[in-house]
Amino acid sequence: MIRTKVSAFCLAILLAAPLSAATSAQETTDAVVIDTNAQGTNDVGVTARVRSVTLGDDATVLGVVLSFDSRATNYVDLAGADTYLSYGESQRLHLRQIGDNPYLRISNGQTLTGELVFPGAIPADVKEVSLVFNDGNEGDDTSAPGLVVTVPLVAP
């Protein structure tokens, strides 16, 4: 994994990506970008890949590729139930809803690429986070399937 710093301007560009509904940063701040390749799948046919993590003062942003391929249903909602980043014992940063796709609906055969924004900062000593889709739901749920992707924040 590669860690790089980006300016507030670069962070604002990241936050303006297609899946994001965040506003740009007003102040100058440094953020840390971690390149990663974490991936998770579930029984119903969702594949979630995290390609990058941007750790900022006010938000944590994940660069993701989300795909759905299944014969079980025509679409799924990846934010139909509680969707968040978790770290530590019980800390959570909740997904900022996307204006034109608040349930993060993905149709069969579709791939969504962009950024997911989680308002709040991850402490510097945290070594991994878990991206949780539809907390409490099973991975074979054909409406809002559960899925957890563990994302390392440090080089192995």
N, C-alpha and C. Protein backbone atom coordinates (compact mmCIF):
# COMPACT_ATOMS: atom_id res chain seq x y z
N MET A 1 0.83 -1.17 0.00
CA MET A 1 0.00 0.00 0.00
C MET A 1 0.87 1.23 0.00
N ILE A 2 0.40 2.27 -0.64
CA ILE A 2 1.15 3.51 -0.75
C ILE A 2 0.37 4.59 -0.01
N ARG A 3 1.04 5.33 0.85
CA ARG A 3 0.43 6.46 1.53
C ARG A 3 0.95 7.74 0.89
N THR A 4 0.05 8.62 0.52
CA THR A 4 0.44 9.91 -0.01
C THR A 4 -0.43 10.97 0.62
N LYS A 5 0.06 12.20 0.64
CA LYS A 5 -0.73 13.31 1.16
C LYS A 5 -1.35 14.06 0.01
N VAL A 6 -2.57 14.54 0.22
CA VAL A 6 -3.24 15.36 -0.78
C VAL A 6 -3.69 16.65 -0.12
N SER A 7 -3.79 17.69 -0.90
CA SER A 7 -4.24 18.97 -0.37
C SER A 7 -5.76 18.99 -0.26
N ALA A 8 -6.28 20.05 0.34
CA ALA A 8 -7.73 20.21 0.45
C ALA A 8 -8.35 20.28 -0.94
N PHE A 9 -7.66 20.87 -1.90
CA PHE A 9 -8.17 20.94 -3.26
C PHE A 9 -8.35 19.55 -3.85
N CYS A 10 -7.35 18.69 -3.68
CA CYS A 10 -7.46 17.31 -4.20
C CYS A 10 -8.56 16.55 -3.47
N LEU A 11 -8.69 16.76 -2.16
CA LEU A 11 -9.75 16.10 -1.42
C LEU A 11 -11.12 16.54 -1.93
N ALA A 12 -11.25 17.83 -2.26
CA ALA A 12 -12.52 18.33 -2.79
C ALA A 12 -12.84 17.65 -4.12
N ILE A 13 -11.83 17.41 -4.94
CA ILE A 13 -12.05 16.70 -6.21
C ILE A 13 -12.52 15.28 -5.93
N LEU A 14 -11.89 14.60 -4.97
CA LEU A 14 -12.31 13.25 -4.62
C LEU A 14 -13.75 13.23 -4.13
N LEU A 15 -14.12 14.22 -3.34
CA LEU A 15 -15.46 14.25 -2.78
C LEU A 15 -16.51 14.56 -3.82
N ALA A 16 -16.12 15.08 -4.99
CA ALA A 16 -17.08 15.44 -6.02
C ALA A 16 -17.31 14.32 -7.02
N ALA A 17 -16.77 13.14 -6.77
CA ALA A 17 -16.91 12.02 -7.69
C ALA A 17 -18.37 11.56 -7.78
N PRO A 18 -18.71 10.74 -8.77
CA PRO A 18 -20.10 10.40 -9.05
C PRO A 18 -20.92 9.84 -7.90
N LEU A 19 -20.36 9.00 -7.03
CA LEU A 19 -21.14 8.42 -5.95
C LEU A 19 -21.24 9.35 -4.76
N SER A 20 -20.52 10.45 -4.75
CA SER A 20 -20.44 11.30 -3.58
C SER A 20 -21.39 12.48 -3.63
N ALA A 21 -21.95 12.82 -2.46
CA ALA A 21 -22.80 14.00 -2.36
C ALA A 21 -22.19 15.01 -1.40
N ALA A 22 -20.90 14.89 -1.10
CA ALA A 22 -20.25 15.76 -0.15
C ALA A 22 -19.91 17.10 -0.78
N THR A 23 -19.77 18.10 0.07
CA THR A 23 -19.34 19.42 -0.39
C THR A 23 -17.84 19.54 -0.22
N SER A 24 -17.24 20.46 -0.94
CA SER A 24 -15.79 20.59 -0.89
C SER A 24 -15.33 21.21 0.42
N ALA A 25 -14.08 20.93 0.76
CA ALA A 25 -13.50 21.44 2.00
C ALA A 25 -13.25 22.94 1.88
N GLN A 26 -13.56 23.68 2.94
CA GLN A 26 -13.38 25.12 2.96
C GLN A 26 -11.97 25.51 3.40
N GLU A 27 -11.39 24.75 4.32
CA GLU A 27 -10.10 25.09 4.87
C GLU A 27 -9.01 24.25 4.23
N THR A 28 -7.77 24.72 4.37
CA THR A 28 -6.64 23.93 3.92
C THR A 28 -6.39 22.85 4.95
N THR A 29 -6.32 21.63 4.51
CA THR A 29 -6.08 20.50 5.40
C THR A 29 -5.32 19.44 4.63
N ASP A 30 -4.58 18.64 5.34
CA ASP A 30 -3.88 17.53 4.71
C ASP A 30 -4.68 16.26 4.92
N ALA A 31 -4.66 15.43 3.94
CA ALA A 31 -5.31 14.13 4.02
C ALA A 31 -4.30 13.08 3.62
N VAL A 32 -4.49 11.88 4.09
CA VAL A 32 -3.62 10.77 3.74
C VAL A 32 -4.40 9.83 2.83
N VAL A 33 -3.81 9.49 1.69
CA VAL A 33 -4.44 8.55 0.76
C VAL A 33 -3.68 7.23 0.83
N ILE A 34 -4.43 6.17 1.05
CA ILE A 34 -3.85 4.83 1.11
C ILE A 34 -4.39 4.02 -0.06
N ASP A 35 -3.51 3.56 -0.92
CA ASP A 35 -3.92 2.67 -2.01
C ASP A 35 -4.05 1.26 -1.44
N THR A 36 -5.15 0.60 -1.76
CA THR A 36 -5.39 -0.74 -1.23
C THR A 36 -6.13 -1.56 -2.27
N ASN A 37 -6.36 -2.81 -1.99
CA ASN A 37 -7.09 -3.68 -2.89
C ASN A 37 -7.89 -4.68 -2.07
N ALA A 38 -8.69 -4.17 -1.15
CA ALA A 38 -9.52 -5.04 -0.30
C ALA A 38 -10.78 -5.41 -1.06
N GLN A 39 -11.24 -6.63 -0.88
CA GLN A 39 -12.42 -7.09 -1.62
C GLN A 39 -13.25 -8.04 -0.77
N GLY A 40 -14.57 -7.98 -0.97
CA GLY A 40 -15.48 -8.90 -0.32
C GLY A 40 -16.60 -9.27 -1.26
N THR A 41 -17.17 -10.43 -1.05
CA THR A 41 -18.30 -10.90 -1.85
C THR A 41 -19.34 -11.50 -0.91
N ASN A 42 -20.55 -11.68 -1.44
CA ASN A 42 -21.57 -12.37 -0.66
C ASN A 42 -22.29 -13.39 -1.55
N ASP A 43 -23.18 -14.15 -0.93
CA ASP A 43 -23.85 -15.26 -1.63
C ASP A 43 -24.79 -14.82 -2.74
N VAL A 44 -25.36 -13.64 -2.63
CA VAL A 44 -26.34 -13.20 -3.64
C VAL A 44 -25.68 -12.67 -4.91
N GLY A 45 -24.38 -12.35 -4.87
CA GLY A 45 -23.68 -11.94 -6.08
C GLY A 45 -23.09 -10.54 -6.09
N VAL A 46 -22.93 -9.93 -4.92
CA VAL A 46 -22.32 -8.61 -4.83
C VAL A 46 -20.81 -8.78 -4.63
N THR A 47 -20.04 -8.00 -5.37
CA THR A 47 -18.61 -7.89 -5.15
C THR A 47 -18.31 -6.43 -4.85
N ALA A 48 -17.68 -6.18 -3.71
CA ALA A 48 -17.29 -4.83 -3.31
C ALA A 48 -15.78 -4.78 -3.20
N ARG A 49 -15.17 -3.88 -3.96
CA ARG A 49 -13.72 -3.72 -3.93
C ARG A 49 -13.39 -2.31 -3.48
N VAL A 50 -12.51 -2.19 -2.51
CA VAL A 50 -12.04 -0.89 -2.04
C VAL A 50 -10.64 -0.68 -2.61
N ARG A 51 -10.50 0.37 -3.44
CA ARG A 51 -9.23 0.64 -4.10
C ARG A 51 -8.38 1.68 -3.37
N SER A 52 -9.05 2.57 -2.62
CA SER A 52 -8.29 3.59 -1.89
C SER A 52 -9.08 4.05 -0.68
N VAL A 53 -8.35 4.58 0.28
CA VAL A 53 -8.94 5.18 1.47
C VAL A 53 -8.28 6.55 1.63
N THR A 54 -9.10 7.59 1.73
CA THR A 54 -8.60 8.93 2.00
C THR A 54 -9.01 9.30 3.41
N LEU A 55 -7.99 9.48 4.26
CA LEU A 55 -8.22 9.82 5.66
C LEU A 55 -8.07 11.32 5.81
N GLY A 56 -9.18 12.01 6.01
CA GLY A 56 -9.17 13.45 6.17
C GLY A 56 -9.58 13.85 7.57
N ASP A 57 -9.49 15.16 7.84
CA ASP A 57 -9.87 15.68 9.16
C ASP A 57 -11.37 15.60 9.38
N ASP A 58 -12.15 15.76 8.32
CA ASP A 58 -13.61 15.85 8.45
C ASP A 58 -14.36 14.69 7.82
N ALA A 59 -13.69 13.90 7.01
CA ALA A 59 -14.37 12.79 6.34
C ALA A 59 -13.36 11.72 5.96
N THR A 60 -13.86 10.51 5.88
CA THR A 60 -13.10 9.37 5.37
C THR A 60 -13.78 8.96 4.08
N VAL A 61 -12.99 8.86 3.00
CA VAL A 61 -13.55 8.60 1.67
C VAL A 61 -12.96 7.31 1.13
N LEU A 62 -13.82 6.40 0.70
CA LEU A 62 -13.36 5.15 0.10
C LEU A 62 -13.59 5.19 -1.40
N GLY A 63 -12.55 4.91 -2.17
CA GLY A 63 -12.68 4.72 -3.61
C GLY A 63 -13.09 3.28 -3.83
N VAL A 64 -14.26 3.06 -4.44
CA VAL A 64 -14.82 1.71 -4.53
C VAL A 64 -15.23 1.34 -5.95
N VAL A 65 -15.31 0.03 -6.16
CA VAL A 65 -15.93 -0.57 -7.34
C VAL A 65 -16.93 -1.58 -6.79
N LEU A 66 -18.21 -1.37 -7.10
CA LEU A 66 -19.29 -2.23 -6.60
C LEU A 66 -19.98 -2.89 -7.79
N SER A 67 -20.05 -4.21 -7.78
CA SER A 67 -20.66 -4.95 -8.89
C SER A 67 -21.72 -5.91 -8.36
N PHE A 68 -22.71 -6.17 -9.22
CA PHE A 68 -23.75 -7.13 -8.86
C PHE A 68 -24.08 -7.99 -10.07
N ASP A 69 -23.94 -9.30 -9.89
CA ASP A 69 -24.26 -10.26 -10.94
C ASP A 69 -24.93 -11.46 -10.29
N SER A 70 -26.21 -11.69 -10.65
CA SER A 70 -26.96 -12.76 -10.01
C SER A 70 -28.17 -13.15 -10.84
N ARG A 71 -28.60 -14.37 -10.67
CA ARG A 71 -29.85 -14.84 -11.27
C ARG A 71 -30.98 -14.79 -10.24
N ALA A 72 -30.66 -14.40 -8.99
CA ALA A 72 -31.64 -14.44 -7.90
C ALA A 72 -32.60 -13.26 -7.92
N THR A 73 -32.17 -12.09 -8.40
CA THR A 73 -32.99 -10.89 -8.36
C THR A 73 -32.49 -9.87 -9.38
N ASN A 74 -33.28 -8.86 -9.66
CA ASN A 74 -32.91 -7.85 -10.66
C ASN A 74 -32.04 -6.73 -10.10
N TYR A 75 -32.12 -6.47 -8.80
CA TYR A 75 -31.29 -5.43 -8.19
C TYR A 75 -31.21 -5.67 -6.69
N VAL A 76 -30.23 -5.03 -6.05
CA VAL A 76 -30.09 -5.05 -4.60
C VAL A 76 -29.80 -3.63 -4.12
N ASP A 77 -30.11 -3.37 -2.86
CA ASP A 77 -29.77 -2.11 -2.21
C ASP A 77 -28.61 -2.37 -1.26
N LEU A 78 -27.49 -1.70 -1.49
CA LEU A 78 -26.33 -1.90 -0.61
C LEU A 78 -26.38 -1.01 0.63
N ALA A 79 -27.33 -0.07 0.65
CA ALA A 79 -27.54 0.76 1.84
C ALA A 79 -29.01 0.74 2.22
N GLY A 80 -29.63 -0.44 2.12
CA GLY A 80 -31.02 -0.60 2.50
C GLY A 80 -31.19 -0.70 4.00
N ALA A 81 -30.12 -1.07 4.70
CA ALA A 81 -30.07 -1.08 6.17
C ALA A 81 -28.81 -0.30 6.56
N ASP A 82 -28.47 -0.29 7.83
CA ASP A 82 -27.34 0.49 8.33
C ASP A 82 -26.05 0.13 7.58
N THR A 83 -25.42 1.13 6.99
CA THR A 83 -24.17 0.95 6.24
C THR A 83 -23.16 1.94 6.79
N TYR A 84 -21.95 1.45 7.16
CA TYR A 84 -20.99 2.28 7.87
C TYR A 84 -19.58 1.70 7.79
N LEU A 85 -18.62 2.50 8.26
CA LEU A 85 -17.26 2.04 8.51
C LEU A 85 -17.16 1.78 10.01
N SER A 86 -16.59 0.68 10.42
CA SER A 86 -16.39 0.43 11.84
C SER A 86 -14.90 0.25 12.13
N TYR A 87 -14.53 0.64 13.35
CA TYR A 87 -13.15 0.45 13.81
C TYR A 87 -13.17 0.42 15.33
N GLY A 88 -12.12 -0.14 15.90
CA GLY A 88 -12.06 -0.23 17.36
C GLY A 88 -13.15 -1.15 17.89
N GLU A 89 -13.51 -0.94 19.14
CA GLU A 89 -14.52 -1.77 19.78
C GLU A 89 -15.92 -1.55 19.22
N SER A 90 -16.31 -0.29 19.10
CA SER A 90 -17.69 -0.02 18.65
C SER A 90 -17.82 1.34 17.97
N GLN A 91 -16.77 1.82 17.37
CA GLN A 91 -16.81 3.12 16.70
C GLN A 91 -17.34 2.95 15.27
N ARG A 92 -18.19 3.89 14.85
CA ARG A 92 -18.78 3.82 13.51
C ARG A 92 -18.83 5.19 12.86
N LEU A 93 -18.53 5.21 11.58
CA LEU A 93 -18.77 6.39 10.74
C LEU A 93 -19.82 5.97 9.72
N HIS A 94 -20.95 6.63 9.72
CA HIS A 94 -22.06 6.24 8.86
C HIS A 94 -21.94 6.83 7.46
N LEU A 95 -22.39 6.08 6.49
CA LEU A 95 -22.36 6.49 5.08
C LEU A 95 -23.21 7.73 4.86
N ARG A 96 -22.64 8.72 4.20
CA ARG A 96 -23.42 9.87 3.77
C ARG A 96 -24.27 9.42 2.59
N GLN A 97 -25.57 9.63 2.68
CA GLN A 97 -26.47 9.20 1.61
C GLN A 97 -26.15 9.94 0.31
N ILE A 98 -26.27 9.23 -0.76
CA ILE A 98 -26.04 9.78 -2.09
C ILE A 98 -27.36 10.30 -2.60
N GLY A 99 -27.39 11.57 -2.99
CA GLY A 99 -28.63 12.24 -3.36
C GLY A 99 -29.49 11.51 -4.36
N ASP A 100 -28.92 11.05 -5.46
CA ASP A 100 -29.73 10.41 -6.50
C ASP A 100 -29.79 8.89 -6.36
N ASN A 101 -29.17 8.33 -5.31
CA ASN A 101 -29.19 6.90 -5.09
C ASN A 101 -29.02 6.61 -3.58
N PRO A 102 -29.99 7.06 -2.74
CA PRO A 102 -29.81 6.98 -1.29
C PRO A 102 -29.72 5.56 -0.74
N TYR A 103 -30.25 4.56 -1.45
CA TYR A 103 -30.17 3.18 -0.99
C TYR A 103 -29.01 2.43 -1.64
N LEU A 104 -28.20 3.14 -2.40
CA LEU A 104 -27.07 2.55 -3.13
C LEU A 104 -27.54 1.32 -3.91
N ARG A 105 -28.60 1.54 -4.71
CA ARG A 105 -29.19 0.47 -5.51
C ARG A 105 -28.29 0.17 -6.70
N ILE A 106 -28.10 -1.12 -6.94
CA ILE A 106 -27.30 -1.58 -8.07
C ILE A 106 -28.07 -2.68 -8.79
N SER A 107 -28.22 -2.53 -10.09
CA SER A 107 -28.96 -3.49 -10.90
C SER A 107 -28.08 -4.66 -11.32
N ASN A 108 -28.72 -5.77 -11.60
CA ASN A 108 -28.02 -6.96 -12.06
C ASN A 108 -27.20 -6.63 -13.30
N GLY A 109 -25.94 -7.03 -13.29
CA GLY A 109 -25.05 -6.78 -14.40
C GLY A 109 -24.41 -5.40 -14.40
N GLN A 110 -24.63 -4.63 -13.35
CA GLN A 110 -24.13 -3.26 -13.28
C GLN A 110 -22.92 -3.17 -12.37
N THR A 111 -22.03 -2.20 -12.66
CA THR A 111 -20.89 -1.88 -11.82
C THR A 111 -20.92 -0.39 -11.53
N LEU A 112 -20.80 -0.03 -10.26
CA LEU A 112 -20.71 1.37 -9.84
C LEU A 112 -19.28 1.63 -9.40
N THR A 113 -18.70 2.72 -9.90
CA THR A 113 -17.35 3.12 -9.52
C THR A 113 -17.39 4.54 -9.01
N GLY A 114 -16.78 4.80 -7.88
CA GLY A 114 -16.75 6.15 -7.34
C GLY A 114 -16.29 6.17 -5.91
N GLU A 115 -16.70 7.20 -5.18
CA GLU A 115 -16.29 7.38 -3.80
C GLU A 115 -17.49 7.32 -2.86
N LEU A 116 -17.31 6.65 -1.73
CA LEU A 116 -18.28 6.64 -0.66
C LEU A 116 -17.72 7.51 0.46
N VAL A 117 -18.53 8.43 0.97
CA VAL A 117 -18.10 9.40 1.97
C VAL A 117 -18.68 9.03 3.33
N PHE A 118 -17.82 9.02 4.33
CA PHE A 118 -18.20 8.75 5.71
C PHE A 118 -17.73 9.93 6.55
N PRO A 119 -18.65 10.84 6.93
CA PRO A 119 -18.25 12.00 7.72
C PRO A 119 -17.59 11.57 9.03
N GLY A 120 -16.45 12.17 9.31
CA GLY A 120 -15.71 11.87 10.53
C GLY A 120 -14.31 11.39 10.22
N ALA A 121 -13.45 11.46 11.21
CA ALA A 121 -12.05 11.08 11.05
C ALA A 121 -11.78 9.73 11.71
N ILE A 122 -10.84 9.00 11.14
CA ILE A 122 -10.35 7.75 11.71
C ILE A 122 -9.06 8.10 12.46
N PRO A 123 -8.92 7.70 13.71
CA PRO A 123 -7.69 8.00 14.46
C PRO A 123 -6.45 7.41 13.78
N ALA A 124 -5.32 8.09 13.95
CA ALA A 124 -4.08 7.69 13.28
C ALA A 124 -3.58 6.31 13.69
N ASP A 125 -3.92 5.82 14.88
CA ASP A 125 -3.42 4.53 15.33
C ASP A 125 -4.25 3.34 14.87
N VAL A 126 -5.34 3.58 14.14
CA VAL A 126 -6.19 2.50 13.65
C VAL A 126 -5.50 1.80 12.48
N LYS A 127 -5.42 0.49 12.53
CA LYS A 127 -4.70 -0.30 11.51
C LYS A 127 -5.61 -0.90 10.45
N GLU A 128 -6.93 -1.00 10.73
CA GLU A 128 -7.87 -1.50 9.74
C GLU A 128 -9.27 -1.03 10.08
N VAL A 129 -10.11 -0.95 9.05
CA VAL A 129 -11.52 -0.62 9.23
C VAL A 129 -12.33 -1.70 8.52
N SER A 130 -13.59 -1.78 8.88
CA SER A 130 -14.49 -2.70 8.19
C SER A 130 -15.58 -1.89 7.53
N LEU A 131 -15.78 -2.11 6.24
CA LEU A 131 -16.87 -1.50 5.49
C LEU A 131 -18.04 -2.47 5.60
N VAL A 132 -19.11 -2.01 6.26
CA VAL A 132 -20.26 -2.86 6.54
C VAL A 132 -21.45 -2.37 5.70
N PHE A 133 -21.95 -3.23 4.84
CA PHE A 133 -23.16 -2.96 4.06
C PHE A 133 -24.33 -3.71 4.72
N ASN A 134 -25.44 -3.03 4.94
CA ASN A 134 -26.67 -3.66 5.44
C ASN A 134 -26.44 -4.50 6.70
N ASP A 135 -25.99 -3.81 7.74
CA ASP A 135 -25.68 -4.46 9.01
C ASP A 135 -26.84 -5.34 9.49
N GLY A 136 -26.51 -6.57 9.87
CA GLY A 136 -27.49 -7.50 10.40
C GLY A 136 -28.18 -8.36 9.36
N ASN A 137 -28.05 -8.02 8.09
CA ASN A 137 -28.67 -8.82 7.04
C ASN A 137 -27.72 -9.91 6.57
N GLU A 138 -28.29 -11.03 6.17
CA GLU A 138 -27.51 -12.16 5.65
C GLU A 138 -27.01 -11.85 4.24
N GLY A 139 -25.93 -12.52 3.84
CA GLY A 139 -25.35 -12.32 2.52
C GLY A 139 -26.18 -12.84 1.37
N ASP A 140 -27.20 -13.65 1.66
CA ASP A 140 -28.05 -14.17 0.60
C ASP A 140 -29.40 -13.45 0.53
N ASP A 141 -29.55 -12.36 1.28
CA ASP A 141 -30.77 -11.54 1.24
C ASP A 141 -30.89 -10.95 -0.17
N THR A 142 -31.99 -11.16 -0.85
CA THR A 142 -32.14 -10.70 -2.23
C THR A 142 -32.65 -9.26 -2.34
N SER A 143 -32.84 -8.60 -1.22
CA SER A 143 -33.28 -7.20 -1.23
C SER A 143 -32.14 -6.27 -0.80
N ALA A 144 -31.59 -6.51 0.38
CA ALA A 144 -30.52 -5.69 0.94
C ALA A 144 -29.50 -6.62 1.60
N PRO A 145 -28.65 -7.27 0.80
CA PRO A 145 -27.74 -8.27 1.34
C PRO A 145 -26.64 -7.67 2.21
N GLY A 146 -26.30 -8.40 3.26
CA GLY A 146 -25.20 -7.99 4.11
C GLY A 146 -23.87 -8.34 3.48
N LEU A 147 -22.87 -7.53 3.80
CA LEU A 147 -21.51 -7.75 3.30
C LEU A 147 -20.55 -6.95 4.17
N VAL A 148 -19.42 -7.55 4.54
CA VAL A 148 -18.38 -6.85 5.29
C VAL A 148 -17.07 -7.01 4.55
N VAL A 149 -16.38 -5.88 4.33
CA VAL A 149 -15.06 -5.87 3.69
C VAL A 149 -14.07 -5.30 4.70
N THR A 150 -13.06 -6.08 5.06
CA THR A 150 -12.01 -5.60 5.96
C THR A 150 -10.95 -4.89 5.13
N VAL A 151 -10.64 -3.64 5.52
CA VAL A 151 -9.74 -2.80 4.75
C VAL A 151 -8.54 -2.44 5.62
N PRO A 152 -7.34 -2.94 5.28
CA PRO A 152 -6.14 -2.58 6.05
C PRO A 152 -5.74 -1.13 5.75
N LEU A 153 -5.24 -0.45 6.78
CA LEU A 153 -4.80 0.94 6.63
C LEU A 153 -3.30 1.11 6.72
N VAL A 154 -2.58 0.00 6.78
CA VAL A 154 -1.13 0.03 6.85
C VAL A 154 -0.56 -1.03 5.91
N ALA A 155 0.69 -0.83 5.54
CA ALA A 155 1.35 -1.79 4.66
C ALA A 155 1.58 -3.09 5.43
N PRO A 156 1.49 -4.23 4.75
CA PRO A 156 1.70 -5.52 5.44
C PRO A 156 3.13 -5.69 5.90
